[in-house]
């Protein structure tokens, strides 16, 4: 009898982890094509360049893997990791909380007493500058930007990249 509960517990845990993992991968086979990821990155980079901000832009797939990375000529070295981490954070946590931008996610965690613990997870960066890319209701990637004087400027550039490809799905 004791083993029956153990088997049920293991099966329940397995279902939970498989379901959680599926939220971060393609559910319907719709991915972010490289041509669109590249276009989103270019638009985000150009949007920030128009404002005089030398930035880096990272585009990731739903599992947080880098698809595209662009760095403007004058962007500083730390913007590479920060742009990736912003995109990674919103693509991996955004779907869980039904959030579209890393600024909203940062605010949610800041308001939660245990939210600081999330900052200790590798590659998580709770700052504005990331925006998810959706195909219908499915998250197919995210754009992360770093290098402007304000994270909200980064996020506006990331959103411009997302907006540029939104109608192409």
N, C-alpha and C. Protein backbone atom coordinates (compact mmCIF):
# COMPACT_ATOMS: atom_id res chain seq x y z
N UNK A 1 0.83 -1.18 0.00
CA UNK A 1 0.00 0.00 0.00
C UNK A 1 0.88 1.26 0.00
N UNK A 2 1.95 1.22 0.77
CA UNK A 2 2.87 2.34 0.86
C UNK A 2 3.48 2.63 -0.53
N UNK A 3 3.77 1.59 -1.30
CA UNK A 3 4.37 1.77 -2.62
C UNK A 3 3.38 2.39 -3.60
N UNK A 4 2.12 2.10 -3.43
CA UNK A 4 1.09 2.67 -4.30
C UNK A 4 1.10 4.20 -4.20
N UNK A 5 1.20 4.74 -2.98
CA UNK A 5 1.26 6.18 -2.80
C UNK A 5 2.55 6.77 -3.38
N UNK A 6 3.62 6.02 -3.24
CA UNK A 6 4.89 6.46 -3.79
C UNK A 6 4.82 6.56 -5.31
N UNK A 7 4.25 5.56 -5.96
CA UNK A 7 4.12 5.56 -7.41
C UNK A 7 3.23 6.72 -7.86
N UNK A 8 2.13 6.93 -7.17
CA UNK A 8 1.24 8.04 -7.51
C UNK A 8 1.97 9.37 -7.34
N UNK A 9 2.75 9.52 -6.28
CA UNK A 9 3.51 10.75 -6.05
C UNK A 9 4.54 10.99 -7.14
N UNK A 10 5.28 9.95 -7.53
CA UNK A 10 6.28 10.08 -8.58
C UNK A 10 5.60 10.42 -9.91
N UNK A 11 4.49 9.76 -10.20
CA UNK A 11 3.77 10.04 -11.45
C UNK A 11 3.26 11.48 -11.46
N UNK A 12 2.75 11.95 -10.35
CA UNK A 12 2.26 13.34 -10.27
C UNK A 12 3.39 14.33 -10.47
N UNK A 13 4.53 14.06 -9.86
CA UNK A 13 5.68 14.95 -10.02
C UNK A 13 6.15 14.96 -11.48
N UNK A 14 6.16 13.80 -12.11
CA UNK A 14 6.58 13.71 -13.50
C UNK A 14 5.65 14.52 -14.40
N UNK A 15 4.37 14.43 -14.17
CA UNK A 15 3.40 15.20 -14.96
C UNK A 15 3.63 16.69 -14.75
N UNK A 16 3.86 17.10 -13.51
CA UNK A 16 4.11 18.51 -13.21
C UNK A 16 5.33 19.02 -13.96
N UNK A 17 6.43 18.28 -13.91
CA UNK A 17 7.66 18.74 -14.54
C UNK A 17 7.54 18.74 -16.06
N UNK A 18 6.86 17.75 -16.63
CA UNK A 18 6.67 17.73 -18.07
C UNK A 18 5.80 18.91 -18.49
N UNK A 19 4.74 19.17 -17.76
CA UNK A 19 3.86 20.30 -18.07
C UNK A 19 4.61 21.61 -17.94
N UNK A 20 5.43 21.77 -16.89
CA UNK A 20 6.20 23.00 -16.71
C UNK A 20 7.19 23.18 -17.84
N UNK A 21 7.86 22.12 -18.23
CA UNK A 21 8.84 22.21 -19.31
C UNK A 21 8.17 22.56 -20.63
N UNK A 22 6.95 22.05 -20.86
CA UNK A 22 6.26 22.33 -22.10
C UNK A 22 5.91 23.81 -22.22
N UNK A 23 5.78 24.51 -21.12
CA UNK A 23 5.46 25.93 -21.21
C UNK A 23 6.62 26.72 -21.79
N UNK A 24 7.79 26.12 -21.86
CA UNK A 24 8.97 26.82 -22.34
C UNK A 24 9.46 26.30 -23.68
N UNK A 25 8.68 25.43 -24.32
CA UNK A 25 9.04 24.93 -25.64
C UNK A 25 7.84 25.05 -26.56
N UNK A 26 8.07 24.79 -27.82
CA UNK A 26 7.00 24.92 -28.80
C UNK A 26 5.86 23.96 -28.51
N UNK A 27 4.65 24.48 -28.36
CA UNK A 27 3.49 23.64 -28.10
C UNK A 27 2.83 23.18 -29.39
N UNK A 28 2.84 24.03 -30.41
CA UNK A 28 2.14 23.71 -31.64
C UNK A 28 3.08 23.67 -32.84
N UNK A 29 4.34 23.52 -32.59
CA UNK A 29 5.30 23.44 -33.68
C UNK A 29 5.65 24.79 -34.28
N UNK A 30 5.09 25.86 -33.75
CA UNK A 30 5.37 27.19 -34.27
C UNK A 30 6.63 27.72 -33.60
N UNK A 31 7.64 27.97 -34.37
CA UNK A 31 8.85 28.53 -33.83
C UNK A 31 9.07 29.93 -34.37
N UNK A 32 10.08 30.58 -33.89
CA UNK A 32 10.45 31.91 -34.38
C UNK A 32 11.49 31.71 -35.47
N UNK A 33 11.10 31.89 -36.73
CA UNK A 33 12.05 31.69 -37.82
C UNK A 33 13.24 32.65 -37.71
N UNK A 34 14.37 32.19 -38.12
CA UNK A 34 15.59 32.98 -38.03
C UNK A 34 15.45 34.32 -38.74
N UNK A 35 14.80 34.35 -39.88
CA UNK A 35 14.65 35.60 -40.61
C UNK A 35 13.85 36.61 -39.80
N UNK A 36 12.83 36.17 -39.07
CA UNK A 36 12.04 37.09 -38.24
C UNK A 36 12.79 37.47 -36.98
N UNK A 37 13.52 36.54 -36.40
CA UNK A 37 14.33 36.86 -35.22
C UNK A 37 15.37 37.92 -35.57
N UNK A 38 15.98 37.78 -36.74
CA UNK A 38 16.98 38.73 -37.20
C UNK A 38 16.35 40.10 -37.46
N UNK A 39 15.16 40.09 -38.06
CA UNK A 39 14.47 41.36 -38.33
C UNK A 39 14.10 42.07 -37.02
N UNK A 40 13.59 41.32 -36.05
CA UNK A 40 13.25 41.92 -34.75
C UNK A 40 14.48 42.53 -34.09
N UNK A 41 15.60 41.81 -34.15
CA UNK A 41 16.84 42.32 -33.56
C UNK A 41 17.30 43.59 -34.26
N UNK A 42 17.25 43.61 -35.58
CA UNK A 42 17.67 44.79 -36.33
C UNK A 42 16.79 46.00 -36.02
N UNK A 43 15.48 45.80 -35.96
CA UNK A 43 14.58 46.91 -35.66
C UNK A 43 14.84 47.45 -34.25
N UNK A 44 15.01 46.54 -33.30
CA UNK A 44 15.29 46.97 -31.92
C UNK A 44 16.58 47.77 -31.86
N UNK A 45 17.62 47.29 -32.52
CA UNK A 45 18.91 47.98 -32.55
C UNK A 45 18.77 49.36 -33.20
N UNK A 46 18.06 49.44 -34.33
CA UNK A 46 17.87 50.71 -35.03
C UNK A 46 17.03 51.69 -34.21
N UNK A 47 16.02 51.18 -33.53
CA UNK A 47 15.17 52.04 -32.69
C UNK A 47 16.00 52.73 -31.61
N UNK A 48 16.86 51.97 -30.96
CA UNK A 48 17.72 52.56 -29.93
C UNK A 48 18.77 53.48 -30.55
N UNK A 49 19.29 53.12 -31.72
CA UNK A 49 20.30 53.96 -32.39
C UNK A 49 19.71 55.32 -32.73
N UNK A 50 18.42 55.37 -33.14
CA UNK A 50 17.77 56.65 -33.45
C UNK A 50 17.76 57.58 -32.23
N UNK A 51 17.73 56.98 -31.06
CA UNK A 51 17.71 57.76 -29.81
C UNK A 51 19.13 58.01 -29.29
N UNK A 52 20.13 57.49 -30.00
CA UNK A 52 21.51 57.70 -29.60
C UNK A 52 22.01 56.70 -28.57
N UNK A 53 21.33 55.56 -28.44
CA UNK A 53 21.72 54.56 -27.44
C UNK A 53 22.46 53.40 -28.10
N UNK A 54 23.74 53.21 -27.76
CA UNK A 54 24.47 52.04 -28.26
C UNK A 54 24.09 50.81 -27.41
N UNK A 55 23.41 49.86 -28.01
CA UNK A 55 22.88 48.73 -27.27
C UNK A 55 23.29 47.40 -27.89
N UNK A 56 23.03 46.36 -27.13
CA UNK A 56 23.09 45.00 -27.63
C UNK A 56 21.68 44.44 -27.60
N UNK A 57 21.40 43.55 -28.56
CA UNK A 57 20.08 42.94 -28.67
C UNK A 57 20.25 41.43 -28.78
N UNK A 58 19.49 40.72 -27.97
CA UNK A 58 19.48 39.26 -28.04
C UNK A 58 18.05 38.79 -28.30
N UNK A 59 17.93 37.79 -29.15
CA UNK A 59 16.64 37.17 -29.41
C UNK A 59 16.80 35.69 -29.06
N UNK A 60 15.87 35.19 -28.23
CA UNK A 60 15.94 33.80 -27.79
C UNK A 60 14.67 33.05 -28.21
N UNK A 61 14.77 31.72 -28.25
CA UNK A 61 13.60 30.89 -28.52
C UNK A 61 12.88 30.60 -27.20
N UNK A 62 11.79 29.86 -27.21
CA UNK A 62 11.01 29.66 -25.97
C UNK A 62 11.76 28.93 -24.86
N UNK A 63 12.80 28.19 -25.21
CA UNK A 63 13.56 27.51 -24.17
C UNK A 63 14.73 28.35 -23.67
N UNK A 64 14.83 29.59 -24.17
CA UNK A 64 15.88 30.49 -23.71
C UNK A 64 17.18 30.37 -24.48
N UNK A 65 17.19 29.62 -25.58
CA UNK A 65 18.41 29.47 -26.38
C UNK A 65 18.54 30.66 -27.33
N UNK A 66 19.75 31.18 -27.44
CA UNK A 66 20.02 32.34 -28.29
C UNK A 66 19.77 31.98 -29.75
N UNK A 67 19.00 32.85 -30.43
CA UNK A 67 18.77 32.72 -31.87
C UNK A 67 19.58 33.77 -32.62
N UNK A 68 19.59 35.00 -32.10
CA UNK A 68 20.28 36.11 -32.77
C UNK A 68 20.89 37.01 -31.70
N UNK A 69 22.07 37.53 -32.01
CA UNK A 69 22.68 38.53 -31.14
C UNK A 69 23.30 39.62 -32.02
N UNK A 70 23.00 40.88 -31.70
CA UNK A 70 23.59 42.03 -32.38
C UNK A 70 24.12 43.01 -31.35
N UNK A 71 25.27 43.59 -31.63
CA UNK A 71 25.87 44.58 -30.73
C UNK A 71 26.26 45.79 -31.56
N UNK A 72 25.73 46.96 -31.18
CA UNK A 72 26.11 48.17 -31.91
C UNK A 72 27.58 48.47 -31.67
N UNK A 73 28.15 49.27 -32.55
CA UNK A 73 29.59 49.52 -32.51
C UNK A 73 30.08 50.07 -31.17
N UNK A 74 29.30 50.93 -30.53
CA UNK A 74 29.75 51.56 -29.30
C UNK A 74 29.17 50.93 -28.02
N UNK A 75 28.43 49.84 -28.14
CA UNK A 75 27.85 49.21 -26.95
C UNK A 75 28.96 48.63 -26.08
N UNK A 76 28.79 48.75 -24.79
CA UNK A 76 29.80 48.25 -23.87
C UNK A 76 29.69 46.74 -23.70
N UNK A 77 30.72 46.15 -23.18
CA UNK A 77 30.83 44.69 -23.12
C UNK A 77 29.74 44.04 -22.26
N UNK A 78 29.33 44.68 -21.19
CA UNK A 78 28.35 44.06 -20.31
C UNK A 78 26.96 43.97 -20.93
N UNK A 79 26.71 44.72 -22.01
CA UNK A 79 25.39 44.69 -22.63
C UNK A 79 25.08 43.36 -23.30
N UNK A 80 26.11 42.62 -23.66
CA UNK A 80 25.89 41.31 -24.30
C UNK A 80 25.15 40.38 -23.34
N UNK A 81 25.72 40.18 -22.18
CA UNK A 81 25.10 39.27 -21.21
C UNK A 81 23.76 39.81 -20.71
N UNK A 82 23.68 41.11 -20.48
CA UNK A 82 22.44 41.68 -19.96
C UNK A 82 21.30 41.54 -20.96
N UNK A 83 21.55 41.76 -22.24
CA UNK A 83 20.47 41.63 -23.23
C UNK A 83 19.99 40.18 -23.30
N UNK A 84 20.91 39.24 -23.28
CA UNK A 84 20.52 37.82 -23.28
C UNK A 84 19.72 37.48 -22.04
N UNK A 85 20.21 37.91 -20.89
CA UNK A 85 19.54 37.56 -19.63
C UNK A 85 18.15 38.18 -19.52
N UNK A 86 17.96 39.37 -20.06
CA UNK A 86 16.62 39.97 -20.05
C UNK A 86 15.67 39.16 -20.92
N UNK A 87 16.11 38.77 -22.11
CA UNK A 87 15.28 37.96 -23.00
C UNK A 87 15.00 36.59 -22.36
N UNK A 88 16.03 35.98 -21.81
CA UNK A 88 15.89 34.66 -21.17
C UNK A 88 14.90 34.72 -20.01
N UNK A 89 15.00 35.76 -19.20
CA UNK A 89 14.13 35.89 -18.03
C UNK A 89 12.67 36.00 -18.42
N UNK A 90 12.37 36.85 -19.40
CA UNK A 90 10.95 37.03 -19.75
C UNK A 90 10.41 35.83 -20.52
N UNK A 91 11.24 35.17 -21.31
CA UNK A 91 10.71 34.02 -22.06
C UNK A 91 10.49 32.80 -21.15
N UNK A 92 11.27 32.69 -20.08
CA UNK A 92 11.11 31.54 -19.20
C UNK A 92 10.14 31.78 -18.05
N UNK A 93 10.01 33.01 -17.59
CA UNK A 93 9.08 33.31 -16.49
C UNK A 93 7.81 34.01 -16.96
N UNK A 94 7.87 34.76 -18.03
CA UNK A 94 6.70 35.48 -18.52
C UNK A 94 5.47 34.61 -18.74
N UNK A 95 5.61 33.47 -19.42
CA UNK A 95 4.44 32.62 -19.64
C UNK A 95 3.83 32.08 -18.35
N UNK A 96 4.64 31.86 -17.35
CA UNK A 96 4.14 31.34 -16.07
C UNK A 96 3.21 32.34 -15.42
N UNK A 97 3.56 33.62 -15.50
CA UNK A 97 2.79 34.68 -14.86
C UNK A 97 1.93 35.47 -15.85
N UNK A 98 1.91 35.02 -17.11
CA UNK A 98 1.16 35.67 -18.18
C UNK A 98 1.56 37.14 -18.32
N UNK A 99 2.87 37.38 -18.37
CA UNK A 99 3.41 38.73 -18.51
C UNK A 99 4.17 38.84 -19.83
N UNK A 100 4.15 40.04 -20.40
CA UNK A 100 4.76 40.29 -21.71
C UNK A 100 6.11 40.98 -21.65
N UNK A 101 6.38 41.68 -20.54
CA UNK A 101 7.59 42.50 -20.45
C UNK A 101 8.35 42.23 -19.16
N UNK A 102 9.67 42.34 -19.26
CA UNK A 102 10.49 42.07 -18.07
C UNK A 102 10.29 43.13 -16.99
N UNK A 103 9.84 44.34 -17.36
CA UNK A 103 9.57 45.35 -16.32
C UNK A 103 8.41 44.90 -15.42
N UNK A 104 7.38 44.31 -16.01
CA UNK A 104 6.24 43.81 -15.22
C UNK A 104 6.67 42.64 -14.35
N UNK A 105 7.55 41.80 -14.89
CA UNK A 105 8.05 40.66 -14.12
C UNK A 105 8.91 41.14 -12.96
N UNK A 106 9.77 42.12 -13.21
CA UNK A 106 10.61 42.68 -12.15
C UNK A 106 9.76 43.28 -11.04
N UNK A 107 8.71 43.98 -11.43
CA UNK A 107 7.80 44.59 -10.45
C UNK A 107 7.08 43.51 -9.63
N UNK A 108 6.65 42.46 -10.30
CA UNK A 108 5.97 41.36 -9.61
C UNK A 108 6.89 40.72 -8.57
N UNK A 109 8.13 40.49 -8.94
CA UNK A 109 9.06 39.86 -8.00
C UNK A 109 9.48 40.83 -6.90
N UNK A 110 9.58 42.12 -7.23
CA UNK A 110 9.95 43.12 -6.23
C UNK A 110 8.86 43.21 -5.15
N UNK A 111 7.60 43.04 -5.55
CA UNK A 111 6.48 43.12 -4.62
C UNK A 111 6.31 41.85 -3.78
N UNK A 112 6.97 40.78 -4.18
CA UNK A 112 6.86 39.50 -3.48
C UNK A 112 8.04 39.35 -2.53
N UNK A 113 7.78 39.10 -1.24
CA UNK A 113 8.89 38.98 -0.27
C UNK A 113 9.92 37.91 -0.64
N UNK A 114 9.51 36.88 -1.33
CA UNK A 114 10.47 35.84 -1.71
C UNK A 114 10.99 36.04 -3.13
N UNK A 115 10.61 37.13 -3.76
CA UNK A 115 11.01 37.39 -5.14
C UNK A 115 12.51 37.52 -5.33
N UNK A 116 13.21 38.00 -4.32
CA UNK A 116 14.66 38.16 -4.44
C UNK A 116 15.36 36.84 -4.69
N UNK A 117 14.75 35.74 -4.27
CA UNK A 117 15.36 34.43 -4.48
C UNK A 117 15.50 34.11 -5.97
N UNK A 118 14.59 34.64 -6.80
CA UNK A 118 14.66 34.38 -8.23
C UNK A 118 15.90 34.99 -8.86
N UNK A 119 16.39 36.07 -8.29
CA UNK A 119 17.58 36.73 -8.83
C UNK A 119 18.82 35.84 -8.73
N UNK A 120 18.78 34.84 -7.88
CA UNK A 120 19.91 33.94 -7.72
C UNK A 120 19.94 32.80 -8.74
N UNK A 121 18.90 32.68 -9.55
CA UNK A 121 18.85 31.63 -10.56
C UNK A 121 19.76 32.05 -11.72
N UNK A 122 20.60 31.14 -12.22
CA UNK A 122 21.51 31.50 -13.30
C UNK A 122 20.78 32.11 -14.50
N UNK A 123 21.34 33.16 -15.04
CA UNK A 123 20.88 33.88 -16.23
C UNK A 123 19.60 34.68 -16.03
N UNK A 124 19.05 34.72 -14.83
CA UNK A 124 17.87 35.54 -14.57
C UNK A 124 18.32 36.96 -14.22
N UNK A 125 17.71 37.94 -14.88
CA UNK A 125 18.01 39.34 -14.63
C UNK A 125 16.68 40.08 -14.56
N UNK A 126 16.32 40.51 -13.38
CA UNK A 126 15.03 41.14 -13.15
C UNK A 126 15.11 42.65 -13.36
N UNK A 127 15.27 43.02 -14.63
CA UNK A 127 15.33 44.43 -15.04
C UNK A 127 14.49 44.62 -16.29
N UNK A 128 14.00 45.82 -16.51
CA UNK A 128 13.28 46.11 -17.75
C UNK A 128 14.20 45.95 -18.96
N UNK A 129 13.59 45.58 -20.10
CA UNK A 129 14.38 45.47 -21.33
C UNK A 129 14.05 44.25 -22.15
N UNK A 130 13.13 43.41 -21.69
CA UNK A 130 12.77 42.22 -22.43
C UNK A 130 11.30 42.22 -22.80
N UNK A 131 10.99 41.67 -23.99
CA UNK A 131 9.61 41.57 -24.46
C UNK A 131 9.42 40.23 -25.16
N UNK A 132 8.29 39.58 -24.88
CA UNK A 132 8.02 38.29 -25.50
C UNK A 132 7.50 38.47 -26.92
N UNK A 133 7.74 37.45 -27.73
CA UNK A 133 7.21 37.36 -29.09
C UNK A 133 6.19 36.25 -29.08
N UNK A 134 4.98 36.54 -29.55
CA UNK A 134 3.90 35.55 -29.59
C UNK A 134 3.47 35.27 -31.02
N UNK A 135 3.04 34.04 -31.22
CA UNK A 135 2.32 33.64 -32.42
C UNK A 135 0.95 33.23 -31.90
N UNK A 136 -0.03 34.08 -32.07
CA UNK A 136 -1.32 33.84 -31.43
C UNK A 136 -1.14 33.95 -29.93
N UNK A 137 -1.50 32.90 -29.23
CA UNK A 137 -1.34 32.92 -27.77
C UNK A 137 -0.05 32.23 -27.32
N UNK A 138 0.68 31.67 -28.26
CA UNK A 138 1.89 30.92 -27.92
C UNK A 138 3.14 31.79 -27.93
N UNK A 139 3.93 31.70 -26.88
CA UNK A 139 5.22 32.41 -26.82
C UNK A 139 6.21 31.64 -27.67
N UNK A 140 6.79 32.33 -28.67
CA UNK A 140 7.74 31.69 -29.57
C UNK A 140 9.15 32.26 -29.43
N UNK A 141 9.31 33.23 -28.53
CA UNK A 141 10.63 33.80 -28.32
C UNK A 141 10.54 35.07 -27.50
N UNK A 142 11.68 35.75 -27.41
CA UNK A 142 11.73 37.03 -26.70
C UNK A 142 12.90 37.84 -27.23
N UNK A 143 12.75 39.16 -27.11
CA UNK A 143 13.80 40.10 -27.49
C UNK A 143 14.27 40.80 -26.22
N UNK A 144 15.57 40.85 -26.02
CA UNK A 144 16.16 41.55 -24.89
C UNK A 144 17.12 42.61 -25.37
N UNK A 145 17.06 43.78 -24.75
CA UNK A 145 17.92 44.91 -25.13
C UNK A 145 18.60 45.45 -23.89
N UNK A 146 19.87 45.84 -24.05
CA UNK A 146 20.60 46.44 -22.94
C UNK A 146 21.57 47.48 -23.48
N UNK A 147 21.68 48.59 -22.76
CA UNK A 147 22.67 49.60 -23.10
C UNK A 147 22.18 51.03 -23.06
N UNK A 148 20.87 51.22 -23.00
CA UNK A 148 20.37 52.60 -22.90
C UNK A 148 20.55 53.07 -21.45
N UNK A 149 20.39 54.36 -21.20
CA UNK A 149 20.54 54.85 -19.82
C UNK A 149 19.40 54.45 -18.89
N UNK A 150 18.34 53.87 -19.44
CA UNK A 150 17.17 53.51 -18.65
C UNK A 150 16.60 52.20 -19.20
N UNK A 151 16.33 51.26 -18.34
CA UNK A 151 15.78 49.98 -18.77
C UNK A 151 14.47 50.09 -19.53
N UNK A 152 13.68 51.11 -19.21
CA UNK A 152 12.42 51.29 -19.93
C UNK A 152 12.68 51.70 -21.39
N UNK A 153 13.77 52.39 -21.65
CA UNK A 153 14.17 52.69 -23.03
C UNK A 153 14.57 51.40 -23.74
N UNK A 154 15.32 50.54 -23.03
CA UNK A 154 15.67 49.23 -23.58
C UNK A 154 14.40 48.46 -23.97
N UNK A 155 13.44 48.48 -23.06
CA UNK A 155 12.21 47.73 -23.28
C UNK A 155 11.40 48.29 -24.46
N UNK A 156 11.39 49.61 -24.62
CA UNK A 156 10.70 50.22 -25.75
C UNK A 156 11.33 49.76 -27.07
N UNK A 157 12.65 49.66 -27.10
CA UNK A 157 13.34 49.18 -28.30
C UNK A 157 13.04 47.71 -28.55
N UNK A 158 13.04 46.92 -27.49
CA UNK A 158 12.69 45.50 -27.63
C UNK A 158 11.28 45.36 -28.17
N UNK A 159 10.36 46.14 -27.64
CA UNK A 159 8.97 46.07 -28.10
C UNK A 159 8.85 46.50 -29.56
N UNK A 160 9.63 47.47 -29.98
CA UNK A 160 9.62 47.88 -31.39
C UNK A 160 10.03 46.71 -32.29
N UNK A 161 11.02 45.94 -31.84
CA UNK A 161 11.42 44.75 -32.58
C UNK A 161 10.31 43.72 -32.66
N UNK A 162 9.63 43.51 -31.55
CA UNK A 162 8.49 42.57 -31.52
C UNK A 162 7.39 43.07 -32.44
N UNK A 163 7.06 44.35 -32.34
CA UNK A 163 5.99 44.92 -33.16
C UNK A 163 6.27 44.79 -34.65
N UNK A 164 7.55 44.89 -35.03
CA UNK A 164 7.93 44.82 -36.44
C UNK A 164 7.62 43.46 -37.07
N UNK A 165 7.60 42.41 -36.25
CA UNK A 165 7.37 41.07 -36.83
C UNK A 165 6.03 40.47 -36.43
N UNK A 166 5.28 41.15 -35.59
CA UNK A 166 4.03 40.60 -35.07
C UNK A 166 3.06 40.17 -36.17
N UNK A 167 2.91 40.95 -37.19
CA UNK A 167 1.93 40.64 -38.23
C UNK A 167 2.38 39.52 -39.18
N UNK A 168 3.57 39.03 -39.00
CA UNK A 168 4.12 38.02 -39.92
C UNK A 168 3.90 36.59 -39.47
N UNK A 169 3.14 36.42 -38.40
CA UNK A 169 2.81 35.08 -37.93
C UNK A 169 1.42 34.73 -38.34
